[in-house]
Protein backbone atom coordinates (compact mmCIF):
# COMPACT_ATOMS: atom_id res chain seq x y z
CA UNK A 1 170.30 104.96 178.03
CA UNK A 2 171.55 101.56 177.95
CA UNK A 3 171.37 99.01 174.99
CA UNK A 4 170.62 95.42 174.89
CA UNK A 5 173.88 93.92 174.09
CA UNK A 6 173.72 90.85 171.72
CA UNK A 7 176.21 88.09 171.76
CA UNK A 8 178.26 87.97 168.92
CA UNK A 9 177.21 84.45 168.25
CA UNK A 10 173.45 85.41 167.98
CA UNK A 11 173.77 88.12 165.36
CA UNK A 12 173.45 86.36 162.30
CA UNK A 13 170.28 84.73 163.53
CA UNK A 14 168.90 88.17 164.58
CA UNK A 15 169.81 89.59 161.18
CA UNK A 16 167.96 86.74 159.46
CA UNK A 17 164.95 87.24 161.58
CA UNK A 18 164.68 91.05 161.20
CA UNK A 19 164.81 90.76 157.27
CA UNK A 20 162.48 87.74 156.76
CA UNK A 21 159.55 88.95 154.28
CA UNK A 22 156.08 89.08 155.80
CA UNK A 23 152.64 88.00 153.78
CA UNK A 24 152.37 91.93 153.33
CA UNK A 25 155.44 92.39 151.99
CA UNK A 26 155.33 89.50 149.32
CA UNK A 27 151.77 90.90 148.20
CA UNK A 28 152.97 94.47 147.78
CA UNK A 29 156.13 93.35 145.93
CA UNK A 30 153.97 91.42 143.81
CA UNK A 31 151.73 94.36 142.80
CA UNK A 32 154.77 96.20 142.07
CA UNK A 33 155.99 93.76 139.83
CA UNK A 34 152.49 93.16 137.71
CA UNK A 35 150.69 95.96 136.03
CA UNK A 36 147.06 96.78 136.82
CA UNK A 37 144.60 94.55 134.55
CA UNK A 38 141.10 96.26 133.42
CA UNK A 39 138.58 95.75 130.55
CA UNK A 40 139.27 97.36 127.39
CA UNK A 41 136.84 99.28 125.25
CA UNK A 42 136.60 96.75 122.66
CA UNK A 43 135.80 94.04 125.57
CA UNK A 44 133.04 96.31 126.97
CA UNK A 45 131.69 96.69 123.42
CA UNK A 46 131.76 92.93 122.91
CA UNK A 47 129.94 92.28 126.06
CA UNK A 48 127.32 95.06 125.67
CA UNK A 49 126.59 93.60 122.03
CA UNK A 50 126.16 90.02 123.40
CA UNK A 51 124.01 91.29 126.06
CA UNK A 52 121.79 93.11 123.75
CA UNK A 53 121.54 90.32 121.31
CA UNK A 54 120.51 88.02 124.28
CA UNK A 55 117.89 90.56 125.41
CA UNK A 56 116.42 90.90 121.92
CA UNK A 57 116.26 87.15 121.64
CA UNK A 58 114.51 86.83 124.98
CA UNK A 59 112.14 89.46 123.96
CA UNK A 60 111.43 88.12 120.55
CA UNK A 61 110.92 84.60 122.05
CA UNK A 62 108.58 86.22 124.83
CA UNK A 63 106.68 88.11 122.06
CA UNK A 64 106.28 84.98 119.92
CA UNK A 65 105.16 83.00 122.87
CA UNK A 66 102.71 85.67 123.57
CA UNK A 67 101.46 85.86 120.11
CA UNK A 68 101.07 81.98 119.90
CA UNK A 69 99.15 82.20 123.19
CA UNK A 70 96.68 84.82 121.71
CA UNK A 71 96.23 82.70 118.63
CA UNK A 72 95.31 79.68 120.75
CA UNK A 73 92.92 81.42 122.92
CA UNK A 74 91.17 83.00 120.02
CA UNK A 75 91.09 79.67 118.31
CA UNK A 76 89.77 78.23 121.25
CA UNK A 77 86.98 81.01 121.48
CA UNK A 78 85.70 81.05 118.07
CA UNK A 79 85.58 77.21 117.91
CA UNK A 80 83.49 77.10 121.17
CA UNK A 81 81.09 79.97 119.78
CA UNK A 82 81.00 78.58 116.46
CA UNK A 83 79.98 74.95 117.64
CA UNK A 84 77.25 76.77 119.87
CA UNK A 85 75.82 78.65 116.96
CA UNK A 86 75.89 75.63 114.86
CA UNK A 87 73.74 73.85 117.44
CA UNK A 88 71.28 76.72 117.35
CA UNK A 89 71.06 76.51 113.58
CA UNK A 90 70.37 72.80 113.83
CA UNK A 91 67.60 73.29 116.10
CA UNK A 92 66.03 75.92 113.79
CA UNK A 93 66.10 73.48 110.85
CA UNK A 94 64.31 70.95 112.75
CA UNK A 95 61.89 73.06 114.50
CA UNK A 96 58.00 73.37 113.97
CA UNK A 97 57.47 76.70 112.30
CA UNK A 98 54.91 78.59 114.45
CA UNK A 99 52.93 80.49 111.55
CA UNK A 100 50.30 83.13 111.51
CA UNK A 101 48.30 83.08 108.18
CA UNK A 102 46.49 86.03 106.61
CA UNK A 103 42.86 85.72 105.29
CA UNK A 104 42.16 83.55 102.29
CA UNK A 105 40.79 84.92 99.12
CA UNK A 106 37.50 83.68 99.61
CA UNK A 107 37.48 85.40 103.17
CA UNK A 108 38.52 88.39 101.71
CA UNK A 109 35.72 88.35 99.14
CA UNK A 110 33.25 87.75 101.92
CA UNK A 111 34.62 90.69 103.98
CA UNK A 112 34.21 92.77 101.00
CA UNK A 113 37.87 93.61 100.49
CA UNK A 114 37.88 91.95 97.10
CA UNK A 115 35.09 91.61 94.45
CA UNK A 116 33.79 88.18 93.62
CA UNK A 117 36.01 87.98 90.33
CA UNK A 118 38.85 87.17 92.58
CA UNK A 119 37.31 83.76 93.42
CA UNK A 120 38.29 82.54 89.64
CA UNK A 121 41.92 83.20 90.82
CA UNK A 122 44.71 84.09 88.22
CA UNK A 123 47.60 82.40 86.21
CA UNK A 124 50.40 80.97 88.22
CA UNK A 125 53.83 82.26 87.09
CA UNK A 126 57.06 81.38 88.69
CA UNK A 127 60.52 82.52 87.84
CA UNK A 128 61.88 81.32 84.57
CA UNK A 129 58.85 78.64 84.29
CA UNK A 130 55.87 78.81 81.84
CA UNK A 131 52.10 78.10 82.70
CA UNK A 132 52.12 74.79 84.63
CA UNK A 133 50.11 71.91 82.96
CA UNK A 134 46.97 70.30 84.62
CA UNK A 135 49.26 67.43 85.53
CA UNK A 136 51.62 69.50 87.66
CA UNK A 137 49.39 71.23 89.87
CA UNK A 138 49.43 68.73 92.67
CA UNK A 139 53.35 68.86 92.67
CA UNK A 140 53.22 72.54 92.53
CA UNK A 141 50.94 73.05 95.43
CA UNK A 142 53.16 70.60 97.71
CA UNK A 143 56.23 72.70 96.62
CA UNK A 144 54.65 75.85 97.53
CA UNK A 145 53.85 74.65 101.07
CA UNK A 146 57.44 73.25 101.44
CA UNK A 147 58.85 76.44 99.98
CA UNK A 148 56.70 78.50 102.58
CA UNK A 149 58.24 76.54 105.31
CA UNK A 150 61.89 77.01 103.93
CA UNK A 151 61.46 80.80 103.72
CA UNK A 152 60.14 80.83 107.30
CA UNK A 153 63.01 78.92 108.67
CA UNK A 154 65.45 81.45 106.79
CA UNK A 155 63.65 84.24 108.18
CA UNK A 156 63.64 82.74 111.70
CA UNK A 157 67.25 82.35 111.53
CA UNK A 158 67.65 86.01 110.52
CA UNK A 159 65.60 86.95 113.76
CA UNK A 160 67.36 84.58 116.21
CA UNK A 161 70.81 84.84 114.75
CA UNK A 162 71.10 88.54 113.78
CA UNK A 163 74.29 89.64 112.01
CA UNK A 164 73.25 93.47 111.37
CA UNK A 165 70.93 95.84 112.91
CA UNK A 166 68.34 95.45 110.37
CA UNK A 167 67.78 91.74 111.29
CA UNK A 168 66.59 93.04 114.80
CA UNK A 169 64.72 95.90 113.64
CA UNK A 170 62.53 94.33 111.09
CA UNK A 171 59.50 92.16 112.35
CA UNK A 172 58.75 88.90 110.71
CA UNK A 173 58.64 89.03 106.84
CA UNK A 174 55.40 88.48 105.17
CA UNK A 175 55.67 85.38 103.04
CA UNK A 176 53.59 84.25 100.22
CA UNK A 177 52.41 80.95 98.65
CA UNK A 178 49.97 79.86 96.19
CA UNK A 179 47.00 77.24 96.11
CA UNK A 180 44.98 76.14 93.53
CA UNK A 181 41.68 78.16 93.13
CA UNK A 182 38.33 76.18 93.54
CA UNK A 183 36.52 78.29 90.89
CA UNK A 184 33.09 77.54 89.60
CA UNK A 185 33.07 79.72 86.37
CA UNK A 186 34.93 77.31 84.10
CA UNK A 187 36.78 73.76 83.99
CA UNK A 188 39.77 75.81 82.89
CA UNK A 189 40.02 77.86 85.96
CA UNK A 190 39.63 74.85 88.27
CA UNK A 191 42.99 73.49 86.67
CA UNK A 192 45.06 76.72 85.80
CA UNK A 193 43.84 79.41 88.21
CA UNK A 194 45.44 80.07 91.60
CA UNK A 195 44.92 81.88 94.82
CA UNK A 196 47.56 83.90 96.67
CA UNK A 197 48.11 83.50 100.35
CA UNK A 198 50.23 85.11 103.04
CA UNK A 199 51.78 83.87 106.14
CA UNK A 200 54.20 85.00 108.68
CA UNK A 201 56.54 83.61 111.33
CA UNK A 202 55.16 84.34 114.94
CA UNK A 203 57.97 86.47 116.22
CA UNK A 204 60.41 84.16 118.22
CA UNK A 205 60.99 84.74 121.96
CA UNK A 206 64.52 85.05 121.42
CA UNK A 207 63.93 87.95 119.01
CA UNK A 208 61.74 89.68 121.62
CA UNK A 209 64.50 89.14 124.26
CA UNK A 210 67.26 90.69 122.27
CA UNK A 211 65.13 93.59 121.51
CA UNK A 212 64.55 94.12 124.95
CA UNK A 213 68.21 93.92 125.93
CA UNK A 214 68.68 96.88 123.30
CA UNK A 215 65.95 98.93 124.86
CA UNK A 216 63.68 98.45 122.18
CA UNK A 217 59.86 97.51 121.93
CA UNK A 218 58.67 93.92 121.68
CA UNK A 219 56.45 92.80 119.03
CA UNK A 220 53.37 93.16 121.17
CA UNK A 221 54.32 96.63 122.26
CA UNK A 222 55.05 97.63 118.55
CA UNK A 223 51.68 96.52 117.72
CA UNK A 224 50.14 98.14 120.73
CA UNK A 225 51.38 101.69 119.37
CA UNK A 226 50.70 100.99 115.73
CA UNK A 227 47.25 100.38 114.14
CA UNK A 228 47.02 97.20 112.16
CA UNK A 229 49.51 95.04 114.33
CA UNK A 230 52.41 95.03 111.74
CA UNK A 231 54.53 92.77 113.82
CA UNK A 232 52.14 89.90 113.85
CA UNK A 233 49.64 90.32 111.11
CA UNK A 234 50.92 88.78 107.93
CA UNK A 235 48.69 90.87 105.90
CA UNK A 236 50.87 93.62 106.61
CA UNK A 237 54.38 93.83 104.91
CA UNK A 238 56.14 95.33 107.94
CA UNK A 239 59.47 95.38 105.99
CA UNK A 240 58.03 97.61 103.08
CA UNK A 241 56.36 99.73 105.97
CA UNK A 242 59.48 100.30 107.60
CA UNK A 243 61.15 101.42 104.46
CA UNK A 244 58.45 103.67 103.30
CA UNK A 245 57.12 105.21 106.54
CA UNK A 246 59.68 107.20 108.72
CA UNK A 247 57.10 107.07 111.68
CA UNK A 248 57.03 103.38 111.93
CA UNK A 249 60.77 103.16 111.28
CA UNK A 250 61.19 105.50 114.39
CA UNK A 251 58.93 103.26 116.48
CA UNK A 252 60.99 100.43 115.57
CA UNK A 253 64.21 102.05 116.92
CA UNK A 254 62.62 103.80 119.89
CA UNK A 255 64.32 103.83 123.39
CA UNK A 256 61.89 102.29 125.73
CA UNK A 257 63.33 104.38 128.66
CA UNK A 258 61.57 107.35 126.82
CA UNK A 259 57.74 107.68 127.15
CA UNK A 260 56.12 106.99 123.61
CA UNK A 261 53.05 109.11 123.15
CA UNK A 262 53.19 109.18 119.39
CA UNK A 263 55.52 109.71 116.37
CA UNK A 264 56.50 113.07 117.58
CA UNK A 265 57.94 111.44 120.80
CA UNK A 266 59.92 108.94 119.09
CA UNK A 267 63.55 108.77 120.38
CA UNK A 268 65.88 106.22 118.79
CA UNK A 269 68.39 104.24 120.65
CA UNK A 270 72.11 105.00 120.27
CA UNK A 271 73.16 101.84 118.56
CA UNK A 272 75.74 102.35 115.83
CA UNK A 273 76.79 100.15 113.06
CA UNK A 274 80.41 100.21 113.39
CA UNK A 275 80.56 96.71 115.26
CA UNK A 276 77.14 95.87 114.55
CA UNK A 277 77.86 92.00 113.96
CA UNK A 278 80.04 91.57 117.14
CA UNK A 279 77.19 93.24 118.97
CA UNK A 280 74.65 90.74 117.44
CA UNK A 281 77.08 88.05 118.50
CA UNK A 282 76.75 89.30 122.26
CA UNK A 283 73.13 89.57 121.97
CA UNK A 284 72.56 85.97 120.70
CA UNK A 285 74.68 84.50 123.31
CA UNK A 286 73.09 86.62 126.19
CA UNK A 287 69.74 85.11 125.23
CA UNK A 288 70.72 81.59 124.37
CA UNK A 289 70.23 78.91 127.13
CA UNK A 290 73.28 76.64 127.63
CA UNK A 291 72.99 73.98 130.47
CA UNK A 292 70.64 75.92 132.65
CA UNK A 293 72.70 79.37 132.16
CA UNK A 294 73.05 81.93 129.46
CA UNK A 295 75.76 81.23 126.90
CA UNK A 296 77.42 84.51 127.51
CA UNK A 297 78.57 83.28 130.82
CA UNK A 298 81.13 81.10 129.08
CA UNK A 299 82.87 84.20 128.04
CA UNK A 300 85.15 86.04 130.64
CA UNK A 301 83.86 89.50 131.36
CA UNK A 302 87.34 90.85 130.65
CA UNK A 303 86.60 90.06 126.88
CA UNK A 304 83.22 91.67 126.89
CA UNK A 305 83.46 95.39 126.44
CA UNK A 306 81.65 98.43 124.61
CA UNK A 307 84.51 99.60 122.50
CA UNK A 308 82.40 102.11 120.62
CA UNK A 309 80.48 103.63 123.16
CA UNK A 310 76.90 103.01 121.95
CA UNK A 311 75.68 100.92 124.85
CA UNK A 312 75.82 97.77 123.23
CA UNK A 313 78.77 95.45 124.35
CA UNK A 314 81.11 93.55 121.85
CA UNK A 315 82.88 90.25 122.33
CA UNK A 316 86.70 90.88 122.04
CA UNK A 317 89.53 88.28 120.68
CA UNK A 318 92.78 88.10 122.32
CA UNK A 319 94.12 91.39 120.53
CA UNK A 320 91.05 93.35 122.28
CA UNK A 321 89.26 93.64 118.81
CA UNK A 322 85.64 92.81 118.21
CA UNK A 323 84.79 89.64 116.48
CA UNK A 324 82.78 89.61 113.13
CA UNK A 325 79.84 87.39 113.02
CA UNK A 326 78.76 86.14 109.46
CA UNK A 327 75.67 84.14 109.71
CA UNK A 328 75.79 82.97 105.88
CA UNK A 329 79.41 83.19 104.71
CA UNK A 330 78.80 82.20 100.93
CA UNK A 331 81.94 83.85 99.83
CA UNK A 332 84.22 82.76 102.66
CA UNK A 333 86.94 80.43 101.46
CA UNK A 334 87.15 77.37 103.66
CA UNK A 335 87.02 73.68 103.31
CA UNK A 336 83.73 73.65 105.28
CA UNK A 337 81.78 75.69 102.62
CA UNK A 338 81.29 74.07 99.07
CA UNK A 339 81.27 77.62 97.19
CA UNK A 340 83.82 78.21 94.59
CA UNK A 341 87.21 76.31 94.58
CA UNK A 342 89.42 77.82 91.97
CA UNK A 343 91.88 74.95 92.05
CA UNK A 344 89.47 72.42 90.74
CA UNK A 345 90.38 70.82 87.77
CA UNK A 346 86.78 70.41 86.49
CA UNK A 347 83.50 72.55 87.05
CA UNK A 348 82.06 69.81 89.16
CA UNK A 349 85.35 70.20 91.40
CA UNK A 350 85.06 73.85 91.47
CA UNK A 351 81.57 74.02 92.22
CA UNK A 352 80.67 71.08 94.86
CA UNK A 353 77.26 70.23 95.62
CA UNK A 354 76.24 70.23 99.33
CA UNK A 355 72.32 71.19 99.59
CA UNK A 356 71.21 73.49 102.19
CA UNK A 357 70.24 71.66 105.31
CA UNK A 358 66.87 73.98 105.53
CA UNK A 359 65.73 72.98 102.17
CA UNK A 360 65.44 69.09 102.44
CA UNK A 361 62.90 69.03 99.72
CA UNK A 362 65.17 71.08 97.22
CA UNK A 363 62.17 73.61 96.72
CA UNK A 364 64.43 76.74 96.25
CA UNK A 365 63.75 78.31 92.92
CA UNK A 366 67.44 77.93 91.96
CA UNK A 367 66.92 74.01 91.62
CA UNK A 368 64.63 74.72 88.67
CA UNK A 369 66.88 74.83 85.67
CA UNK A 370 64.50 77.16 83.91
CA UNK A 371 65.75 80.01 86.38
CA UNK A 372 69.19 79.71 85.24
CA UNK A 373 70.69 82.06 82.72
CA UNK A 374 70.17 80.86 78.92
CA UNK A 375 72.38 80.21 77.12
CA UNK A 376 74.20 78.98 80.22
CA UNK A 377 77.89 79.43 80.33
CA UNK A 378 78.14 76.47 82.70
CA UNK A 379 78.10 72.65 81.64
CA UNK A 380 76.46 71.65 85.01
CA UNK A 381 73.84 73.16 87.21
CA UNK A 382 75.75 73.00 90.51
CA UNK A 383 76.89 76.44 90.31
CA UNK A 384 73.52 77.90 90.81
CA UNK A 385 72.33 75.44 93.53
CA UNK A 386 72.07 76.62 97.19
CA UNK A 387 74.69 75.15 99.42
CA UNK A 388 75.21 74.59 102.99
CA UNK A 389 76.40 77.66 104.99
CA UNK A 390 77.76 77.23 108.61
CA UNK A 391 77.89 80.32 110.59
CA UNK A 392 81.13 82.02 110.95
CA UNK A 393 82.84 83.74 113.82
CA UNK A 394 86.10 85.53 112.71
CA UNK A 395 88.81 87.50 114.46
CA UNK A 396 91.02 89.89 112.52
CA UNK A 397 94.11 88.55 114.00
CA UNK A 398 97.38 90.08 114.56
CA UNK A 399 97.00 92.89 111.94
CA UNK A 400 93.70 93.78 113.34
CA UNK A 401 92.18 94.13 109.96
CA UNK A 402 89.60 91.88 108.42
CA UNK A 403 89.61 92.56 104.68
CA UNK A 404 86.25 90.82 104.22
CA UNK A 405 82.95 91.64 102.87
CA UNK A 406 80.67 92.11 106.08
CA UNK A 407 77.58 94.13 106.71
CA UNK A 408 79.84 97.07 107.79
CA UNK A 409 83.35 97.34 106.91
CA UNK A 410 85.49 100.12 108.28
CA UNK A 411 89.02 98.86 107.48
CA UNK A 412 90.73 101.93 108.71
CA UNK A 413 88.81 102.43 111.79
CA UNK A 414 87.91 105.94 111.06
CA UNK A 415 84.15 105.62 111.93
CA UNK A 416 83.28 105.85 108.25
CA UNK A 417 81.95 102.69 106.23
CA UNK A 418 84.04 101.96 103.13
CA UNK A 419 82.38 98.66 102.32
CA UNK A 420 79.42 96.90 103.34
CA UNK A 421 75.43 96.91 102.60
CA UNK A 422 73.14 99.63 103.16
CA UNK A 423 71.53 100.25 106.76
CA UNK A 424 68.25 99.06 105.13
CA UNK A 425 69.57 95.55 103.97
CA UNK A 426 68.78 92.28 105.74
CA UNK A 427 68.45 88.80 104.00
CA UNK A 428 64.74 88.97 104.64
CA UNK A 429 64.69 91.99 102.35
CA UNK A 430 65.65 90.21 99.22
CA UNK A 431 62.60 89.52 96.85
CA UNK A 432 61.95 88.09 93.49
CA UNK A 433 62.20 90.32 90.37
CA UNK A 434 58.75 92.07 89.79
CA UNK A 435 56.58 90.27 87.41
CA UNK A 436 58.41 87.18 87.56
CA UNK A 437 56.09 85.52 89.87
CA UNK A 438 52.26 85.71 90.52
CA UNK A 439 49.68 86.08 91.75
CA UNK A 440 50.64 88.21 94.74
CA UNK A 441 48.87 88.60 97.86
CA UNK A 442 46.41 91.69 97.70
CA UNK A 443 48.07 94.80 99.46
CA UNK A 444 51.79 93.51 98.90
CA UNK A 445 53.96 95.18 96.54
CA UNK A 446 56.51 92.10 96.00
CA UNK A 447 57.30 88.57 96.99
CA UNK A 448 59.63 88.21 99.69
CA UNK A 449 62.35 85.66 99.38
CA UNK A 450 64.79 85.65 102.27
CA UNK A 451 67.99 84.78 100.67
CA UNK A 452 71.13 83.77 102.32
CA UNK A 453 73.08 83.53 99.05
CA UNK A 454 72.46 87.22 97.87
CA UNK A 455 75.39 88.56 95.92
CA UNK A 456 75.69 91.76 98.37
CA UNK A 457 78.50 93.22 96.15
CA UNK A 458 76.16 93.80 93.52
CA UNK A 459 74.27 96.77 95.29
CA UNK A 460 76.66 99.74 96.66
CA UNK A 461 76.40 100.34 100.11
CA UNK A 462 75.01 103.61 99.45
CA UNK A 463 72.03 102.44 97.75
CA UNK A 464 68.83 101.20 99.56
CA UNK A 465 68.15 98.28 97.02
CA UNK A 466 66.63 96.72 95.21
CA UNK A 467 67.72 93.52 96.11
CA UNK A 468 66.30 90.64 93.95
CA UNK A 469 67.45 86.93 93.86
CA UNK A 470 68.89 85.66 90.71
CA UNK A 471 70.49 82.36 90.04
CA UNK A 472 73.36 84.10 88.36
CA UNK A 473 73.77 86.32 91.40
CA UNK A 474 74.25 83.16 93.37
CA UNK A 475 77.31 82.06 91.23
CA UNK A 476 78.90 85.62 91.75
CA UNK A 477 78.37 85.26 95.48
CA UNK A 478 80.08 82.07 95.54
CA UNK A 479 83.01 83.34 93.59
CA UNK A 480 83.72 86.23 95.69
CA UNK A 481 80.84 88.60 95.98
CA UNK A 482 78.79 87.31 98.90
CA UNK A 483 79.41 87.71 102.70
CA UNK A 484 82.72 86.53 103.91
CA UNK A 485 84.81 87.00 100.66
CA UNK A 486 87.65 89.09 100.17
CA UNK A 487 86.84 92.48 99.69
CA UNK A 488 86.87 93.49 95.89
CA UNK A 489 88.12 95.24 93.97
CA UNK A 490 91.75 94.46 95.56
CA UNK A 491 94.39 95.34 92.80
CA UNK A 492 97.17 95.67 95.40
CA UNK A 493 96.40 92.49 97.34
CA UNK A 494 96.05 94.75 100.44
CA UNK A 495 92.77 93.21 101.55
CA UNK A 496 93.99 89.52 100.78
CA UNK A 497 96.97 90.11 102.84
CA UNK A 498 95.04 91.50 105.72
CA UNK A 499 92.60 88.48 105.56
CA UNK A 500 95.49 86.14 105.65
CA UNK A 501 95.93 86.15 109.50
CA UNK A 502 92.22 86.01 110.21
CA UNK A 503 91.05 83.41 112.71
CA UNK A 504 87.54 81.75 112.11
CA UNK A 505 85.60 79.07 113.67
CA UNK A 506 85.54 77.37 110.33
CA UNK A 507 89.44 77.10 110.01
CA UNK A 508 89.79 76.37 113.75
CA UNK A 509 88.44 72.84 113.11
CA UNK A 510 84.84 73.45 113.50
């Protein structure tokens, strides 16, 4: 084998060429000179801590944004519904009352129902007032007619804006008013004796529509199945009949999908009381016209659901909880309601005066100072007076607990009522204390006085009455005993805390 011979002159150059470091050599050498660099455990923990903190902040921000969105959506809902209900209430306050009248005393005498002595009439008595003088009778007769219209409007509101089951179950209330007797027996009888009269609101179409949606008989069908036409005859006190006759009560609750052949065939609908006010709100919107459509069409179907499985849907807030509807929130704390303000420096500031829009002539008995407690603990009369009550739609808010006095309050959601009113209660059940007013219409046992200011806390929910109007009770209702007030007693403040995050149509700018 032969080898290339290199001239001695080129050997230094060749040597330099063969020993010139390549890029690889330099990188390899550099790697040998420097130790390998990696994250330490401390650095990893720091990075993880920062990432967890950022993740938590992001989660909180998203949750806060979601909560704010739910609050705003709920505020918009209650405001819209509240305005609609207020419009409906204004309509009732201005509407002509379509009344049916019972037979007069002379007609009852001619029919042989009463003896001829009834033509003389009897002495007029009112709550807290003495026998009226001769000079007062014309004003009293005018007040009687105006009071009849007031009570009819209140009964109509009960029927077209129900807040509990009984508002829809009871037919129109039998209302009474008195007229001066035209008697021939003596001059005294012509000035001091009075006849009782009965009247009744003709069943509103919307009330019949709501009953039809529930699967209940309309007023006409009720009368068809029951002798005496209790749903349309003012001489029959249908509310008292329902309380004292189980067969009639079962007829009012009967499911129209089951053939009714008599009391033995009665089959009630499955409607429960757990979310009755929200279900009533649904029925109101489903039967109220709004720009040629039903008002319920303004509510997304995703927020209408039957959460208790009784066949009647509820309207839900942004937390998927049924709203509460309170038609007459006399105990609710809001600048929109002139009830009791404990921060007022004087009694006049504590009990503001804002008359009821339904009672333009101030004929409610509570405007008569003789109905007020004596001696009165108050220096003014305003605590006893009726006030304007806008309807309230209320969300339980983030904690999903109302903490408020309602027709049915199940605060722990276990299906058992803890607070509320008896299943027989409705504002139209309220009457005047027996013996405080007369004369009464024949066949009636009391004087109905539909009362939005009744102190519902005065009667335990386990008791079916009695429910009597009183001026003193109105003060207690304003101070926290009426609908919409924080549930009492509340020694630990739990109900007050629960009510703190509620969202209502009255607080949302209504």
